[in-house]
Amino acid sequence: MKNMYFTSYFPLITILLFSTSLSIATVMLVIDYLQVFGIYDGMLEFFSNNGIKLALFILFALLYFMVFSALKLIANTVTELSLLFFSKDVAGESLTKIRGGSTFYLVAGAISLVAIQYPLAIAAIFLLATICCFIYMVFKISSSLTSFSLIGLVLFQVLFWFIFILGTLFVCFRLYNSVMASLPV
């Protein structure tokens, strides 16, 4: 007997795995920068080496956990909204068909722990898992959609994420430019 809730804990484990791998990679980068700037030796006078690493790890793990949780919430909302607009399925069978896509993220999260030394590799692994999950989702629900509905669903997803990422980058660049312009140099 197959339990449809078997994969329900995969997103939490995936978020924890990616948060852990990115936190460790970020702590290593931050400690390197602190040593280059000469701040790390001063911090060692007040805290132990392991204490600094643990505090930084907890801080970055919490930050990445919040970011990935927010992305998961947004992705679920966009997926269900696109199914609302383009699917004629009222019973929610399409949602149960695509739940297995979280397995891609779980495997990618486990692989990301191997790539701790390379933060860009972790980002590439996450991007690859996202593409695989998207292809899986389209493949699974394509049988219950018409051709135009499938095109609309794909365009809705792609355009939303393109605008979301572009808007986020725009806000970050504007914030960076305003901070740089306000510095008394």
C-alpha atoms as a PDB file:
ATOM      1  CA  MET A   1       0.000   0.000   0.000  1.00  0.00           C
ATOM      2  CA  LYS A   2       1.453   3.336  -1.069  1.00  0.00           C
ATOM      3  CA  ASN A   3       1.067   6.186   1.388  1.00  0.00           C
ATOM      4  CA  MET A   4       0.621   9.529  -0.390  1.00  0.00           C
ATOM      5  CA  TYR A   5       2.112  11.381   2.586  1.00  0.00           C
ATOM      6  CA  PHE A   6       5.436   9.539   2.388  1.00  0.00           C
ATOM      7  CA  THR A   7       7.182  12.477   0.728  1.00  0.00           C
ATOM      8  CA  SER A   8       5.593  15.164   2.905  1.00  0.00           C
ATOM      9  CA  TYR A   9       8.696  15.606   5.065  1.00  0.00           C
ATOM     10  CA  PHE A  10      11.111  15.823   2.101  1.00  0.00           C
ATOM     11  CA  PRO A  11      10.868  19.642   1.784  1.00  0.00           C
ATOM     12  CA  LEU A  12      11.834  20.181   5.435  1.00  0.00           C
ATOM     13  CA  ILE A  13      14.806  17.835   5.166  1.00  0.00           C
ATOM     14  CA  THR A  14      15.799  19.473   1.882  1.00  0.00           C
ATOM     15  CA  ILE A  15      15.672  22.950   3.419  1.00  0.00           C
ATOM     16  CA  LEU A  16      17.788  21.733   6.332  1.00  0.00           C
ATOM     17  CA  LEU A  17      20.345  20.110   4.002  1.00  0.00           C
ATOM     18  CA  PHE A  18      20.724  23.134   1.730  1.00  0.00           C
ATOM     19  CA  SER A  19      20.790  25.508   4.706  1.00  0.00           C
ATOM     20  CA  THR A  20      23.498  23.438   6.358  1.00  0.00           C
ATOM     21  CA  SER A  21      25.704  23.180   3.282  1.00  0.00           C
ATOM     22  CA  LEU A  22      25.371  26.861   2.403  1.00  0.00           C
ATOM     23  CA  SER A  23      25.911  27.890   6.036  1.00  0.00           C
ATOM     24  CA  ILE A  24      29.132  25.919   6.323  1.00  0.00           C
ATOM     25  CA  ALA A  25      30.361  27.320   2.998  1.00  0.00           C
ATOM     26  CA  THR A  26      29.458  30.860   4.050  1.00  0.00           C
ATOM     27  CA  VAL A  27      31.138  30.487   7.452  1.00  0.00           C
ATOM     28  CA  MET A  28      34.344  29.387   5.728  1.00  0.00           C
ATOM     29  CA  LEU A  29      34.197  32.399   3.386  1.00  0.00           C
ATOM     30  CA  VAL A  30      33.388  34.862   6.181  1.00  0.00           C
ATOM     31  CA  ILE A  31      36.223  33.575   8.366  1.00  0.00           C
ATOM     32  CA  ASP A  32      38.620  33.943   5.441  1.00  0.00           C
ATOM     33  CA  TYR A  33      37.470  37.542   4.912  1.00  0.00           C
ATOM     34  CA  LEU A  34      37.709  38.298   8.632  1.00  0.00           C
ATOM     35  CA  GLN A  35      41.272  37.010   8.633  1.00  0.00           C
ATOM     36  CA  VAL A  36      42.170  39.064   5.549  1.00  0.00           C
ATOM     37  CA  PHE A  37      40.757  42.222   7.152  1.00  0.00           C
ATOM     38  CA  GLY A  38      42.522  41.432  10.451  1.00  0.00           C
ATOM     39  CA  ILE A  39      39.319  41.311  12.488  1.00  0.00           C
ATOM     40  CA  TYR A  40      39.450  37.605  13.289  1.00  0.00           C
ATOM     41  CA  ASP A  41      42.464  37.849  15.621  1.00  0.00           C
ATOM     42  CA  GLY A  42      40.690  40.496  17.669  1.00  0.00           C
ATOM     43  CA  MET A  43      37.592  38.307  17.897  1.00  0.00           C
ATOM     44  CA  LEU A  44      39.714  35.407  19.191  1.00  0.00           C
ATOM     45  CA  GLU A  45      40.584  37.504  22.255  1.00  0.00           C
ATOM     46  CA  PHE A  46      36.935  37.424  23.352  1.00  0.00           C
ATOM     47  CA  PHE A  47      35.629  34.166  21.870  1.00  0.00           C
ATOM     48  CA  SER A  48      37.075  30.766  21.103  1.00  0.00           C
ATOM     49  CA  ASN A  49      37.633  29.627  17.526  1.00  0.00           C
ATOM     50  CA  ASN A  50      34.827  27.061  17.757  1.00  0.00           C
ATOM     51  CA  GLY A  51      32.534  29.597  19.433  1.00  0.00           C
ATOM     52  CA  ILE A  52      32.943  32.041  16.549  1.00  0.00           C
ATOM     53  CA  LYS A  53      32.346  29.310  13.975  1.00  0.00           C
ATOM     54  CA  LEU A  54      29.278  28.019  15.828  1.00  0.00           C
ATOM     55  CA  ALA A  55      27.767  31.488  16.221  1.00  0.00           C
ATOM     56  CA  LEU A  56      28.315  32.271  12.545  1.00  0.00           C
ATOM     57  CA  PHE A  57      26.925  28.873  11.536  1.00  0.00           C
ATOM     58  CA  ILE A  58      23.748  29.392  13.587  1.00  0.00           C
ATOM     59  CA  LEU A  59      23.291  32.890  12.171  1.00  0.00           C
ATOM     60  CA  PHE A  60      23.714  31.813   8.545  1.00  0.00           C
ATOM     61  CA  ALA A  61      21.730  28.588   9.003  1.00  0.00           C
ATOM     62  CA  LEU A  62      18.800  30.608  10.324  1.00  0.00           C
ATOM     63  CA  LEU A  63      19.105  33.090   7.474  1.00  0.00           C
ATOM     64  CA  TYR A  64      19.251  30.396   4.772  1.00  0.00           C
ATOM     65  CA  PHE A  65      16.435  28.439   6.434  1.00  0.00           C
ATOM     66  CA  MET A  66      14.209  31.503   6.268  1.00  0.00           C
ATOM     67  CA  VAL A  67      15.114  32.194   2.633  1.00  0.00           C
ATOM     68  CA  PHE A  68      14.501  28.608   1.497  1.00  0.00           C
ATOM     69  CA  SER A  69      11.270  28.398   3.490  1.00  0.00           C
ATOM     70  CA  ALA A  70      10.020  31.584   1.854  1.00  0.00           C
ATOM     71  CA  LEU A  71      11.009  30.283  -1.587  1.00  0.00           C
ATOM     72  CA  LYS A  72       9.158  27.020  -0.893  1.00  0.00           C
ATOM     73  CA  LEU A  73       6.043  28.928   0.134  1.00  0.00           C
ATOM     74  CA  ILE A  74       6.209  31.135  -2.960  1.00  0.00           C
ATOM     75  CA  ALA A  75       6.831  28.134  -5.244  1.00  0.00           C
ATOM     76  CA  ASN A  76       3.860  26.234  -3.821  1.00  0.00           C
ATOM     77  CA  THR A  77       1.630  29.274  -4.203  1.00  0.00           C
ATOM     78  CA  VAL A  78       2.720  29.900  -7.797  1.00  0.00           C
ATOM     79  CA  THR A  79       2.296  26.230  -8.699  1.00  0.00           C
ATOM     80  CA  GLU A  80      -1.185  26.036  -7.228  1.00  0.00           C
ATOM     81  CA  LEU A  81      -2.138  29.363  -8.783  1.00  0.00           C
ATOM     82  CA  SER A  82      -0.965  28.208 -12.200  1.00  0.00           C
ATOM     83  CA  LEU A  83      -2.949  24.991 -11.784  1.00  0.00           C
ATOM     84  CA  LEU A  84      -5.974  27.070 -10.788  1.00  0.00           C
ATOM     85  CA  PHE A  85      -5.708  29.138 -13.958  1.00  0.00           C
ATOM     86  CA  PHE A  86      -4.830  26.429 -16.457  1.00  0.00           C
ATOM     87  CA  SER A  87      -5.997  23.046 -15.131  1.00  0.00           C
ATOM     88  CA  LYS A  88      -9.528  21.743 -15.220  1.00  0.00           C
ATOM     89  CA  ASP A  89      -8.762  19.403 -12.336  1.00  0.00           C
ATOM     90  CA  VAL A  90     -11.013  20.342  -9.409  1.00  0.00           C
ATOM     91  CA  ALA A  91     -10.205  17.339  -7.200  1.00  0.00           C
ATOM     92  CA  GLY A  92      -6.512  18.157  -6.793  1.00  0.00           C
ATOM     93  CA  GLU A  93      -5.204  15.066  -8.545  1.00  0.00           C
ATOM     94  CA  SER A  94      -2.568  17.170 -10.312  1.00  0.00           C
ATOM     95  CA  LEU A  95      -1.102  18.202  -6.982  1.00  0.00           C
ATOM     96  CA  THR A  96      -0.784  14.604  -5.829  1.00  0.00           C
ATOM     97  CA  LYS A  97       0.899  13.705  -9.118  1.00  0.00           C
ATOM     98  CA  ILE A  98       3.656  16.287  -8.687  1.00  0.00           C
ATOM     99  CA  ARG A  99       4.467  15.640  -5.022  1.00  0.00           C
ATOM    100  CA  GLY A 100       7.221  13.226  -5.994  1.00  0.00           C
ATOM    101  CA  GLY A 101       9.197  16.118  -7.451  1.00  0.00           C
ATOM    102  CA  SER A 102      10.473  16.917  -3.974  1.00  0.00           C
ATOM    103  CA  THR A 103      12.713  13.870  -4.306  1.00  0.00           C
ATOM    104  CA  PHE A 104      14.894  15.805  -6.763  1.00  0.00           C
ATOM    105  CA  TYR A 105      15.474  18.475  -4.135  1.00  0.00           C
ATOM    106  CA  LEU A 106      16.177  15.895  -1.441  1.00  0.00           C
ATOM    107  CA  VAL A 107      18.858  14.204  -3.533  1.00  0.00           C
ATOM    108  CA  ALA A 108      20.296  17.587  -4.514  1.00  0.00           C
ATOM    109  CA  GLY A 109      20.385  18.645  -0.863  1.00  0.00           C
ATOM    110  CA  ALA A 110      22.355  15.532   0.019  1.00  0.00           C
ATOM    111  CA  ILE A 111      24.746  16.160  -2.881  1.00  0.00           C
ATOM    112  CA  SER A 112      25.179  19.765  -1.778  1.00  0.00           C
ATOM    113  CA  LEU A 113      26.772  18.558   1.451  1.00  0.00           C
ATOM    114  CA  VAL A 114      29.588  17.105  -0.657  1.00  0.00           C
ATOM    115  CA  ALA A 115      30.128  20.452  -2.414  1.00  0.00           C
ATOM    116  CA  ILE A 116      30.628  22.514   0.746  1.00  0.00           C
ATOM    117  CA  GLN A 117      33.957  23.860  -0.507  1.00  0.00           C
ATOM    118  CA  TYR A 118      32.293  25.355  -3.591  1.00  0.00           C
ATOM    119  CA  PRO A 119      29.312  27.683  -2.931  1.00  0.00           C
ATOM    120  CA  LEU A 120      28.730  28.176  -6.654  1.00  0.00           C
ATOM    121  CA  ALA A 121      28.477  24.405  -7.071  1.00  0.00           C
ATOM    122  CA  ILE A 122      25.788  24.352  -4.374  1.00  0.00           C
ATOM    123  CA  ALA A 123      23.864  27.039  -6.264  1.00  0.00           C
ATOM    124  CA  ALA A 124      24.302  25.074  -9.501  1.00  0.00           C
ATOM    125  CA  ILE A 125      23.036  21.900  -7.802  1.00  0.00           C
ATOM    126  CA  PHE A 126      19.986  23.788  -6.536  1.00  0.00           C
ATOM    127  CA  LEU A 127      19.328  25.218  -9.997  1.00  0.00           C
ATOM    128  CA  LEU A 128      19.675  21.782 -11.614  1.00  0.00           C
ATOM    129  CA  ALA A 129      17.250  20.282  -9.075  1.00  0.00           C
ATOM    130  CA  THR A 130      14.795  23.097  -9.807  1.00  0.00           C
ATOM    131  CA  ILE A 131      14.964  22.459 -13.540  1.00  0.00           C
ATOM    132  CA  CYS A 132      14.553  18.693 -13.042  1.00  0.00           C
ATOM    133  CA  CYS A 133      11.607  19.231 -10.707  1.00  0.00           C
ATOM    134  CA  PHE A 134       9.973  21.611 -13.178  1.00  0.00           C
ATOM    135  CA  ILE A 135      10.375  19.138 -16.054  1.00  0.00           C
ATOM    136  CA  TYR A 136       8.990  16.378 -13.823  1.00  0.00           C
ATOM    137  CA  MET A 137       5.997  18.557 -12.914  1.00  0.00           C
ATOM    138  CA  VAL A 138       5.245  19.392 -16.542  1.00  0.00           C
ATOM    139  CA  PHE A 139       5.612  15.747 -17.566  1.00  0.00           C
ATOM    140  CA  LYS A 140       3.314  14.483 -14.791  1.00  0.00           C
ATOM    141  CA  ILE A 141       0.482  16.937 -15.360  1.00  0.00           C
ATOM    142  CA  SER A 142       0.732  17.198 -19.146  1.00  0.00           C
ATOM    143  CA  SER A 143      -1.756  14.374 -19.610  1.00  0.00           C
ATOM    144  CA  SER A 144      -4.468  16.309 -17.781  1.00  0.00           C
ATOM    145  CA  LEU A 145      -3.958  19.587 -19.658  1.00  0.00           C
ATOM    146  CA  THR A 146      -4.647  20.750 -23.167  1.00  0.00           C
ATOM    147  CA  SER A 147      -1.776  22.020 -25.293  1.00  0.00           C
ATOM    148  CA  PHE A 148      -2.703  25.656 -24.708  1.00  0.00           C
ATOM    149  CA  SER A 149      -3.154  25.098 -20.973  1.00  0.00           C
ATOM    150  CA  LEU A 150       0.260  23.448 -20.769  1.00  0.00           C
ATOM    151  CA  ILE A 151       1.892  26.336 -22.622  1.00  0.00           C
ATOM    152  CA  GLY A 152       0.089  28.799 -20.352  1.00  0.00           C
ATOM    153  CA  LEU A 153       1.186  26.937 -17.233  1.00  0.00           C
ATOM    154  CA  VAL A 154       4.820  26.821 -18.348  1.00  0.00           C
ATOM    155  CA  LEU A 155       4.817  30.487 -19.371  1.00  0.00           C
ATOM    156  CA  PHE A 156       3.163  31.503 -16.107  1.00  0.00           C
ATOM    157  CA  GLN A 157       5.821  29.708 -14.067  1.00  0.00           C
ATOM    158  CA  VAL A 158       8.766  30.922 -16.145  1.00  0.00           C
ATOM    159  CA  LEU A 159       7.573  34.526 -16.340  1.00  0.00           C
ATOM    160  CA  PHE A 160       6.790  34.695 -12.630  1.00  0.00           C
ATOM    161  CA  TRP A 161      10.233  33.438 -11.592  1.00  0.00           C
ATOM    162  CA  PHE A 162      11.978  35.605 -14.185  1.00  0.00           C
ATOM    163  CA  ILE A 163      10.185  38.734 -12.937  1.00  0.00           C
ATOM    164  CA  PHE A 164      10.691  37.715  -9.298  1.00  0.00           C
ATOM    165  CA  ILE A 165      14.451  37.188  -9.693  1.00  0.00           C
ATOM    166  CA  LEU A 166      14.860  40.286 -11.851  1.00  0.00           C
ATOM    167  CA  GLY A 167      12.899  42.408  -9.369  1.00  0.00           C
ATOM    168  CA  THR A 168      14.900  41.075  -6.428  1.00  0.00           C
ATOM    169  CA  LEU A 169      18.188  41.799  -8.208  1.00  0.00           C
ATOM    170  CA  PHE A 170      16.970  45.289  -9.110  1.00  0.00           C
ATOM    171  CA  VAL A 171      16.098  46.046  -5.487  1.00  0.00           C
ATOM    172  CA  CYS A 172      19.464  44.698  -4.310  1.00  0.00           C
ATOM    173  CA  PHE A 173      21.361  46.837  -6.838  1.00  0.00           C
ATOM    174  CA  ARG A 174      19.341  49.920  -5.904  1.00  0.00           C
ATOM    175  CA  LEU A 175      20.031  49.311  -2.222  1.00  0.00           C
ATOM    176  CA  TYR A 176      23.732  48.784  -2.923  1.00  0.00           C
ATOM    177  CA  ASN A 177      23.936  51.960  -4.997  1.00  0.00           C
ATOM    178  CA  SER A 178      22.138  54.010  -2.362  1.00  0.00           C
ATOM    179  CA  VAL A 179      24.470  52.726   0.370  1.00  0.00           C
ATOM    180  CA  MET A 180      27.528  53.470  -1.760  1.00  0.00           C
ATOM    181  CA  ALA A 181      26.231  56.940  -2.635  1.00  0.00           C
ATOM    182  CA  SER A 182      25.659  57.752   1.039  1.00  0.00           C
ATOM    183  CA  LEU A 183      29.214  56.837   2.098  1.00  0.00           C
ATOM    184  CA  PRO A 184      31.395  59.870   2.775  1.00  0.00           C
ATOM    185  CA  VAL A 185      34.252  59.064   0.405  1.00  0.00           C
END
